[in-house]
Amino acid sequence: MPLKRTHSIRELNHGLVLVGQETSLTEEDCDLFDSIYVSSKYPLESVLPSSPPDLPLCQRCIELVRQILAMVENAMKS
């Protein structure tokens, strides 16, 4: 798969799905990651200053990252 330089988790996820690599990330998961990362890096019109992530949201992000890490580790074993 050709690598694409992007900050969009949605784009990266879509690229993986196109080559047959399921990530189990939902559209909502991608939106969550994109809204937190992109908005914190590029704060123009950011949702974070008016609505900082709370504990449940942070825990959800950590759980998603653990799932992604496990997927990558399994893929590297193949």
C-alpha atoms as a PDB file:
ATOM      1  CA  MET A   1       0.000   0.000   0.000  1.00  0.00           C
ATOM      2  CA  PRO A   2       1.462   3.389  -0.909  1.00  0.00           C
ATOM      3  CA  LEU A   3       1.895   5.650   2.085  1.00  0.00           C
ATOM      4  CA  LYS A   4       0.030   8.922   2.213  1.00  0.00           C
ATOM      5  CA  ARG A   5       1.093  11.814   4.385  1.00  0.00           C
ATOM      6  CA  THR A   6      -1.971  12.963   6.307  1.00  0.00           C
ATOM      7  CA  HIS A   7      -3.216  13.781   9.790  1.00  0.00           C
ATOM      8  CA  SER A   8      -6.639  12.347   9.063  1.00  0.00           C
ATOM      9  CA  ILE A   9      -7.377   9.083  10.832  1.00  0.00           C
ATOM     10  CA  ARG A  10     -10.416   8.756   8.565  1.00  0.00           C
ATOM     11  CA  GLU A  11      -8.196   8.834   5.460  1.00  0.00           C
ATOM     12  CA  LEU A  12      -5.691   6.404   6.945  1.00  0.00           C
ATOM     13  CA  ASN A  13      -8.451   4.024   8.013  1.00  0.00           C
ATOM     14  CA  HIS A  14     -10.077   4.226   4.579  1.00  0.00           C
ATOM     15  CA  GLY A  15      -6.746   3.413   2.915  1.00  0.00           C
ATOM     16  CA  LEU A  16      -6.295   0.337   5.085  1.00  0.00           C
ATOM     17  CA  VAL A  17      -9.816  -0.883   4.392  1.00  0.00           C
ATOM     18  CA  LEU A  18      -9.214  -0.477   0.629  1.00  0.00           C
ATOM     19  CA  VAL A  19      -6.285  -2.914   0.799  1.00  0.00           C
ATOM     20  CA  GLY A  20      -8.230  -5.397   2.899  1.00  0.00           C
ATOM     21  CA  GLN A  21      -6.922  -4.511   6.357  1.00  0.00           C
ATOM     22  CA  GLU A  22      -9.864  -4.162   8.731  1.00  0.00           C
ATOM     23  CA  THR A  23      -9.196  -1.864  11.663  1.00  0.00           C
ATOM     24  CA  SER A  24     -12.526  -2.160  13.502  1.00  0.00           C
ATOM     25  CA  LEU A  25     -12.603   1.640  13.765  1.00  0.00           C
ATOM     26  CA  THR A  26     -16.055   3.041  13.186  1.00  0.00           C
ATOM     27  CA  GLU A  27     -16.758   6.334  11.444  1.00  0.00           C
ATOM     28  CA  GLU A  28     -17.502   7.723  14.907  1.00  0.00           C
ATOM     29  CA  ASP A  29     -14.097   6.547  16.187  1.00  0.00           C
ATOM     30  CA  CYS A  30     -12.353   8.241  13.260  1.00  0.00           C
ATOM     31  CA  ASP A  31     -14.321  11.437  13.863  1.00  0.00           C
ATOM     32  CA  LEU A  32     -13.319  11.352  17.535  1.00  0.00           C
ATOM     33  CA  PHE A  33      -9.597  10.984  16.797  1.00  0.00           C
ATOM     34  CA  ASP A  34      -9.682  13.579  14.026  1.00  0.00           C
ATOM     35  CA  SER A  35     -11.582  16.076  16.180  1.00  0.00           C
ATOM     36  CA  ILE A  36      -9.127  15.789  19.047  1.00  0.00           C
ATOM     37  CA  TYR A  37      -5.828  15.566  17.183  1.00  0.00           C
ATOM     38  CA  VAL A  38      -6.421  17.922  14.292  1.00  0.00           C
ATOM     39  CA  SER A  39      -8.172  20.484  16.485  1.00  0.00           C
ATOM     40  CA  SER A  40      -5.427  20.466  19.082  1.00  0.00           C
ATOM     41  CA  LYS A  41      -2.695  20.789  16.452  1.00  0.00           C
ATOM     42  CA  TYR A  42      -4.600  23.323  14.349  1.00  0.00           C
ATOM     43  CA  PRO A  43      -6.814  25.188  16.849  1.00  0.00           C
ATOM     44  CA  LEU A  44      -8.675  27.443  14.398  1.00  0.00           C
ATOM     45  CA  GLU A  45     -12.358  26.665  14.984  1.00  0.00           C
ATOM     46  CA  SER A  46     -11.343  23.998  17.477  1.00  0.00           C
ATOM     47  CA  VAL A  47     -13.967  22.280  19.621  1.00  0.00           C
ATOM     48  CA  LEU A  48     -11.470  21.662  22.401  1.00  0.00           C
ATOM     49  CA  PRO A  49     -11.298  25.082  24.074  1.00  0.00           C
ATOM     50  CA  SER A  50     -15.062  25.175  24.561  1.00  0.00           C
ATOM     51  CA  SER A  51     -15.415  21.479  25.290  1.00  0.00           C
ATOM     52  CA  PRO A  52     -12.288  19.846  26.724  1.00  0.00           C
ATOM     53  CA  PRO A  53     -12.293  16.038  26.746  1.00  0.00           C
ATOM     54  CA  ASP A  54     -13.639  14.571  29.974  1.00  0.00           C
ATOM     55  CA  LEU A  55     -12.476  11.356  31.673  1.00  0.00           C
ATOM     56  CA  PRO A  56     -14.861   8.998  29.828  1.00  0.00           C
ATOM     57  CA  LEU A  57     -13.831  10.452  26.468  1.00  0.00           C
ATOM     58  CA  CYS A  58     -10.138  10.118  27.321  1.00  0.00           C
ATOM     59  CA  GLN A  59     -10.680   6.536  28.470  1.00  0.00           C
ATOM     60  CA  ARG A  60     -12.470   5.766  25.190  1.00  0.00           C
ATOM     61  CA  CYS A  61      -9.521   7.158  23.222  1.00  0.00           C
ATOM     62  CA  ILE A  62      -7.040   5.083  25.226  1.00  0.00           C
ATOM     63  CA  GLU A  63      -9.101   1.923  24.648  1.00  0.00           C
ATOM     64  CA  LEU A  64      -9.243   2.623  20.905  1.00  0.00           C
ATOM     65  CA  VAL A  65      -5.480   3.132  20.798  1.00  0.00           C
ATOM     66  CA  ARG A  66      -4.967  -0.188  22.627  1.00  0.00           C
ATOM     67  CA  GLN A  67      -7.147  -1.925  20.023  1.00  0.00           C
ATOM     68  CA  ILE A  68      -5.178  -0.344  17.187  1.00  0.00           C
ATOM     69  CA  LEU A  69      -1.858  -1.317  18.779  1.00  0.00           C
ATOM     70  CA  ALA A  70      -3.011  -4.932  19.158  1.00  0.00           C
ATOM     71  CA  MET A  71      -4.100  -4.962  15.501  1.00  0.00           C
ATOM     72  CA  VAL A  72      -0.717  -3.635  14.367  1.00  0.00           C
ATOM     73  CA  GLU A  73       1.184  -6.127  16.534  1.00  0.00           C
ATOM     74  CA  ASN A  74      -0.865  -9.010  15.106  1.00  0.00           C
ATOM     75  CA  ALA A  75      -0.317  -7.776  11.551  1.00  0.00           C
ATOM     76  CA  MET A  76       3.441  -7.563  12.105  1.00  0.00           C
ATOM     77  CA  LYS A  77       3.533 -11.186  13.312  1.00  0.00           C
ATOM     78  CA  SER A  78       2.045 -12.362  10.001  1.00  0.00           C
END
